[in-house]
N, C-alpha and C. Protein backbone atom coordinates (compact mmCIF):
# COMPACT_ATOMS: atom_id res chain seq x y z
N MET A 1 24.93 90.52 25.99
CA MET A 1 24.95 90.06 27.36
C MET A 1 23.56 89.76 27.89
N GLY A 2 22.54 90.16 27.17
CA GLY A 2 21.19 89.90 27.61
C GLY A 2 20.88 88.43 27.74
N GLY A 3 21.55 87.58 26.95
CA GLY A 3 21.32 86.15 27.02
C GLY A 3 21.68 85.57 28.37
N MET A 4 22.71 86.14 29.00
CA MET A 4 23.11 85.66 30.32
C MET A 4 22.01 85.92 31.33
N GLN A 5 21.38 87.05 31.23
CA GLN A 5 20.33 87.41 32.17
C GLN A 5 19.19 86.40 32.10
N ASP A 6 18.93 85.86 30.92
CA ASP A 6 17.83 84.92 30.76
C ASP A 6 18.05 83.63 31.53
N THR A 7 19.28 83.32 31.89
CA THR A 7 19.52 82.09 32.63
C THR A 7 19.88 82.33 34.09
N VAL A 8 20.76 83.25 34.35
CA VAL A 8 21.25 83.45 35.72
C VAL A 8 20.22 84.13 36.60
N VAL A 9 19.70 85.24 36.15
CA VAL A 9 18.81 86.03 37.01
C VAL A 9 17.56 85.24 37.44
N PRO A 10 16.84 84.57 36.53
CA PRO A 10 15.68 83.80 37.00
C PRO A 10 16.04 82.70 38.00
N LYS A 11 17.20 82.07 37.80
CA LYS A 11 17.62 81.03 38.76
C LYS A 11 17.88 81.63 40.13
N VAL A 12 18.54 82.78 40.15
CA VAL A 12 18.84 83.43 41.43
C VAL A 12 17.54 83.89 42.09
N GLN A 13 16.65 84.47 41.31
CA GLN A 13 15.38 84.94 41.88
C GLN A 13 14.55 83.78 42.42
N ALA A 14 14.51 82.67 41.70
CA ALA A 14 13.78 81.49 42.18
C ALA A 14 14.41 80.96 43.47
N HIS A 15 15.73 80.98 43.51
CA HIS A 15 16.43 80.52 44.73
C HIS A 15 16.13 81.45 45.91
N LEU A 16 16.16 82.75 45.67
CA LEU A 16 15.83 83.69 46.74
C LEU A 16 14.42 83.44 47.27
N GLN A 17 13.51 83.14 46.37
CA GLN A 17 12.13 82.84 46.79
C GLN A 17 12.10 81.59 47.66
N ARG A 18 12.84 80.56 47.26
CA ARG A 18 12.89 79.33 48.07
C ARG A 18 13.47 79.62 49.45
N LEU A 19 14.53 80.44 49.49
CA LEU A 19 15.14 80.76 50.78
C LEU A 19 14.17 81.52 51.68
N SER A 20 13.39 82.41 51.10
CA SER A 20 12.50 83.23 51.92
C SER A 20 11.28 82.47 52.41
N THR A 21 10.93 81.37 51.74
CA THR A 21 9.73 80.63 52.14
C THR A 21 10.05 79.29 52.82
N ALA A 22 11.33 78.93 52.87
CA ALA A 22 11.71 77.65 53.45
C ALA A 22 11.49 77.63 54.95
N ALA A 23 11.05 76.50 55.42
CA ALA A 23 10.92 76.30 56.87
C ALA A 23 12.33 76.24 57.46
N PRO A 24 12.49 76.72 58.68
CA PRO A 24 13.83 76.75 59.29
C PRO A 24 14.55 75.39 59.23
N ASP A 25 13.83 74.31 59.47
CA ASP A 25 14.49 73.00 59.48
C ASP A 25 14.86 72.50 58.08
N SER A 26 14.37 73.14 57.03
CA SER A 26 14.73 72.72 55.67
C SER A 26 15.82 73.59 55.06
N LEU A 27 16.24 74.63 55.76
CA LEU A 27 17.29 75.51 55.23
C LEU A 27 18.61 74.77 55.01
N ARG A 28 18.93 73.84 55.91
CA ARG A 28 20.19 73.10 55.77
C ARG A 28 20.24 72.36 54.44
N ALA A 29 19.12 71.85 53.99
CA ALA A 29 19.08 71.12 52.72
C ALA A 29 19.30 72.06 51.53
N LEU A 30 19.07 73.35 51.71
CA LEU A 30 19.25 74.32 50.63
C LEU A 30 20.67 74.88 50.53
N VAL A 31 21.52 74.57 51.50
CA VAL A 31 22.88 75.13 51.51
C VAL A 31 23.67 74.75 50.25
N PRO A 32 23.66 73.49 49.80
CA PRO A 32 24.41 73.18 48.56
C PRO A 32 23.88 73.95 47.34
N ALA A 33 22.57 74.07 47.22
CA ALA A 33 22.00 74.84 46.11
C ALA A 33 22.36 76.31 46.23
N ASP A 34 22.39 76.81 47.44
CA ASP A 34 22.76 78.21 47.65
C ASP A 34 24.19 78.45 47.19
N ARG A 35 25.08 77.55 47.55
CA ARG A 35 26.48 77.67 47.14
C ARG A 35 26.57 77.69 45.61
N GLU A 36 25.84 76.80 44.97
CA GLU A 36 25.86 76.71 43.51
C GLU A 36 25.33 77.99 42.86
N VAL A 37 24.20 78.48 43.35
CA VAL A 37 23.57 79.68 42.77
C VAL A 37 24.44 80.91 42.98
N VAL A 38 24.94 81.10 44.19
CA VAL A 38 25.75 82.28 44.48
C VAL A 38 27.07 82.23 43.70
N THR A 39 27.68 81.07 43.62
CA THR A 39 28.93 80.93 42.87
C THR A 39 28.70 81.23 41.39
N ALA A 40 27.59 80.75 40.84
CA ALA A 40 27.27 81.02 39.43
C ALA A 40 27.02 82.51 39.20
N LEU A 41 26.34 83.16 40.14
CA LEU A 41 26.07 84.59 40.01
C LEU A 41 27.38 85.38 40.03
N ILE A 42 28.26 85.07 40.94
CA ILE A 42 29.54 85.76 41.02
C ILE A 42 30.34 85.54 39.73
N ALA A 43 30.40 84.30 39.27
CA ALA A 43 31.15 84.00 38.04
C ALA A 43 30.55 84.72 36.84
N ASP A 44 29.24 84.78 36.76
CA ASP A 44 28.58 85.47 35.66
C ASP A 44 28.93 86.95 35.66
N CYS A 45 28.88 87.56 36.82
CA CYS A 45 29.20 88.98 36.93
C CYS A 45 30.67 89.24 36.60
N GLU A 46 31.54 88.36 37.08
CA GLU A 46 32.96 88.53 36.77
C GLU A 46 33.21 88.41 35.27
N GLN A 47 32.51 87.49 34.63
CA GLN A 47 32.64 87.34 33.17
C GLN A 47 32.17 88.61 32.46
N MET A 48 31.07 89.18 32.94
CA MET A 48 30.57 90.43 32.35
C MET A 48 31.60 91.54 32.48
N MET A 49 32.20 91.65 33.66
CA MET A 49 33.19 92.71 33.88
C MET A 49 34.40 92.52 32.97
N ARG A 50 34.84 91.28 32.83
CA ARG A 50 35.97 91.03 31.92
C ARG A 50 35.61 91.41 30.49
N ALA A 51 34.41 91.04 30.05
CA ALA A 51 33.97 91.35 28.69
C ALA A 51 33.90 92.86 28.46
N MET A 52 33.56 93.58 29.52
CA MET A 52 33.44 95.03 29.43
C MET A 52 34.77 95.73 29.73
N LYS A 53 35.81 94.93 30.01
CA LYS A 53 37.12 95.46 30.39
C LYS A 53 36.98 96.42 31.58
N MET A 54 36.18 95.98 32.51
CA MET A 54 35.84 96.78 33.68
C MET A 54 36.62 96.29 34.90
N GLU A 55 37.23 97.20 35.61
CA GLU A 55 37.91 96.87 36.86
C GLU A 55 36.84 96.75 37.95
N PRO A 56 36.80 95.60 38.67
CA PRO A 56 35.79 95.46 39.71
C PRO A 56 35.92 96.56 40.76
N PRO A 57 34.84 97.28 41.03
CA PRO A 57 34.90 98.33 42.06
C PRO A 57 35.01 97.73 43.46
N GLN A 58 35.44 98.54 44.41
CA GLN A 58 35.60 98.07 45.79
C GLN A 58 34.28 97.54 46.34
N LYS A 59 33.18 98.19 46.01
CA LYS A 59 31.86 97.73 46.48
C LYS A 59 31.62 96.28 46.04
N TRP A 60 31.99 95.99 44.80
CA TRP A 60 31.84 94.64 44.27
C TRP A 60 32.74 93.66 45.03
N ARG A 61 34.01 94.02 45.20
CA ARG A 61 34.95 93.14 45.89
C ARG A 61 34.47 92.86 47.32
N ASN A 62 33.94 93.88 47.98
CA ASN A 62 33.42 93.70 49.34
C ASN A 62 32.22 92.74 49.34
N ALA A 63 31.34 92.90 48.36
CA ALA A 63 30.15 92.05 48.27
C ALA A 63 30.55 90.59 48.04
N VAL A 64 31.51 90.38 47.16
CA VAL A 64 31.98 89.01 46.88
C VAL A 64 32.60 88.42 48.14
N ARG A 65 33.44 89.19 48.81
CA ARG A 65 34.07 88.72 50.05
C ARG A 65 33.01 88.30 51.07
N ASP A 66 31.99 89.16 51.24
CA ASP A 66 30.95 88.87 52.23
C ASP A 66 30.15 87.62 51.86
N LEU A 67 29.82 87.48 50.58
CA LEU A 67 29.07 86.29 50.15
C LEU A 67 29.91 85.02 50.32
N ARG A 68 31.18 85.11 50.00
CA ARG A 68 32.04 83.93 50.17
C ARG A 68 32.20 83.57 51.64
N GLN A 69 32.23 84.57 52.51
CA GLN A 69 32.27 84.29 53.95
C GLN A 69 30.97 83.61 54.39
N ASP A 70 29.85 84.09 53.86
CA ASP A 70 28.57 83.43 54.15
C ASP A 70 28.64 81.96 53.77
N LEU A 71 29.06 81.70 52.54
CA LEU A 71 29.08 80.32 52.04
C LEU A 71 30.00 79.45 52.87
N ALA A 72 31.13 79.98 53.28
CA ALA A 72 32.07 79.20 54.09
C ALA A 72 31.47 78.85 55.45
N GLY A 73 30.74 79.77 56.04
CA GLY A 73 30.20 79.53 57.37
C GLY A 73 28.91 78.74 57.39
N MET A 74 28.15 78.82 56.33
CA MET A 74 26.82 78.21 56.33
C MET A 74 26.86 76.69 56.40
N ALA A 75 27.89 76.08 55.86
CA ALA A 75 27.97 74.62 55.84
C ALA A 75 27.95 74.00 57.23
N SER A 76 28.46 74.72 58.21
CA SER A 76 28.53 74.16 59.57
C SER A 76 27.47 74.75 60.51
N MET A 77 26.57 75.55 59.99
CA MET A 77 25.55 76.17 60.85
C MET A 77 24.41 75.21 61.15
N THR A 78 23.83 75.40 62.32
CA THR A 78 22.61 74.67 62.68
C THR A 78 21.43 75.33 61.96
N ALA A 79 20.29 74.67 62.00
CA ALA A 79 19.09 75.22 61.38
C ALA A 79 18.75 76.58 61.98
N THR A 80 18.89 76.72 63.28
CA THR A 80 18.59 77.99 63.96
C THR A 80 19.56 79.07 63.51
N GLN A 81 20.83 78.73 63.44
CA GLN A 81 21.82 79.71 62.98
C GLN A 81 21.56 80.13 61.54
N LEU A 82 21.21 79.17 60.69
CA LEU A 82 20.89 79.50 59.30
C LEU A 82 19.69 80.44 59.22
N GLN A 83 18.69 80.14 60.02
CA GLN A 83 17.49 80.98 60.02
C GLN A 83 17.85 82.41 60.41
N GLN A 84 18.74 82.57 61.37
CA GLN A 84 19.15 83.89 61.82
C GLN A 84 20.03 84.59 60.77
N ALA A 85 20.85 83.84 60.07
CA ALA A 85 21.78 84.42 59.09
C ALA A 85 21.13 84.70 57.74
N MET A 86 20.03 84.01 57.45
CA MET A 86 19.46 84.06 56.10
C MET A 86 18.98 85.44 55.66
N PRO A 87 18.33 86.25 56.49
CA PRO A 87 17.90 87.57 55.99
C PRO A 87 19.07 88.42 55.47
N ALA A 88 20.17 88.43 56.20
CA ALA A 88 21.33 89.22 55.76
C ALA A 88 21.95 88.59 54.51
N HIS A 89 21.99 87.27 54.45
CA HIS A 89 22.54 86.59 53.28
C HIS A 89 21.69 86.89 52.04
N ARG A 90 20.38 86.81 52.18
CA ARG A 90 19.49 87.13 51.04
C ARG A 90 19.71 88.56 50.60
N LYS A 91 19.86 89.47 51.55
CA LYS A 91 20.07 90.88 51.21
C LYS A 91 21.36 91.06 50.41
N ARG A 92 22.40 90.30 50.78
CA ARG A 92 23.66 90.40 50.03
C ARG A 92 23.50 89.86 48.61
N ILE A 93 22.75 88.77 48.46
CA ILE A 93 22.50 88.23 47.12
C ILE A 93 21.71 89.25 46.30
N GLU A 94 20.71 89.85 46.91
CA GLU A 94 19.91 90.87 46.22
C GLU A 94 20.77 92.06 45.81
N GLY A 95 21.71 92.43 46.67
CA GLY A 95 22.64 93.51 46.35
C GLY A 95 23.51 93.16 45.15
N MET A 96 23.94 91.91 45.08
CA MET A 96 24.74 91.45 43.94
C MET A 96 23.91 91.51 42.67
N LEU A 97 22.65 91.11 42.75
CA LEU A 97 21.77 91.20 41.58
C LEU A 97 21.60 92.65 41.14
N ALA A 98 21.48 93.55 42.08
CA ALA A 98 21.33 94.98 41.75
C ALA A 98 22.59 95.50 41.05
N MET A 99 23.77 95.10 41.54
CA MET A 99 25.00 95.53 40.88
C MET A 99 25.07 94.95 39.47
N ARG A 100 24.63 93.72 39.31
CA ARG A 100 24.62 93.09 37.98
C ARG A 100 23.69 93.86 37.06
N HIS A 101 22.53 94.21 37.57
CA HIS A 101 21.56 94.98 36.79
C HIS A 101 22.17 96.32 36.33
N ASP A 102 22.88 96.98 37.23
CA ASP A 102 23.53 98.24 36.89
C ASP A 102 24.59 98.04 35.79
N MET A 103 25.31 96.91 35.86
CA MET A 103 26.30 96.64 34.81
C MET A 103 25.64 96.44 33.46
N MET A 104 24.46 95.83 33.47
CA MET A 104 23.75 95.57 32.22
C MET A 104 23.37 96.89 31.53
N LYS A 105 23.24 97.96 32.28
CA LYS A 105 22.86 99.26 31.72
C LYS A 105 24.05 99.93 31.01
N MET A 106 25.26 99.49 31.31
CA MET A 106 26.45 100.17 30.76
C MET A 106 26.62 99.88 29.29
């Protein structure tokens, strides 16, 4: 499973860096990339859990639900709303990466 980390994790980390340094008026342009990166991260983690025959824990299901709610709402947000929502959204993505990292240890 280490091969997956070589592709997904660096992409997510680079995306998080872009989100944290983007000017408020350019956040709207990053929404499609955000959807792509977050969806790929979720799919990668789900694939790992299936390979490990692991039942997704409630913490995981809650995190996925919250990220999907973010993605659904972000498409219609203004630049100001995105700027306000982004710190919590980044934190949720970072939390997903941490859960993925924990799975890699199993």
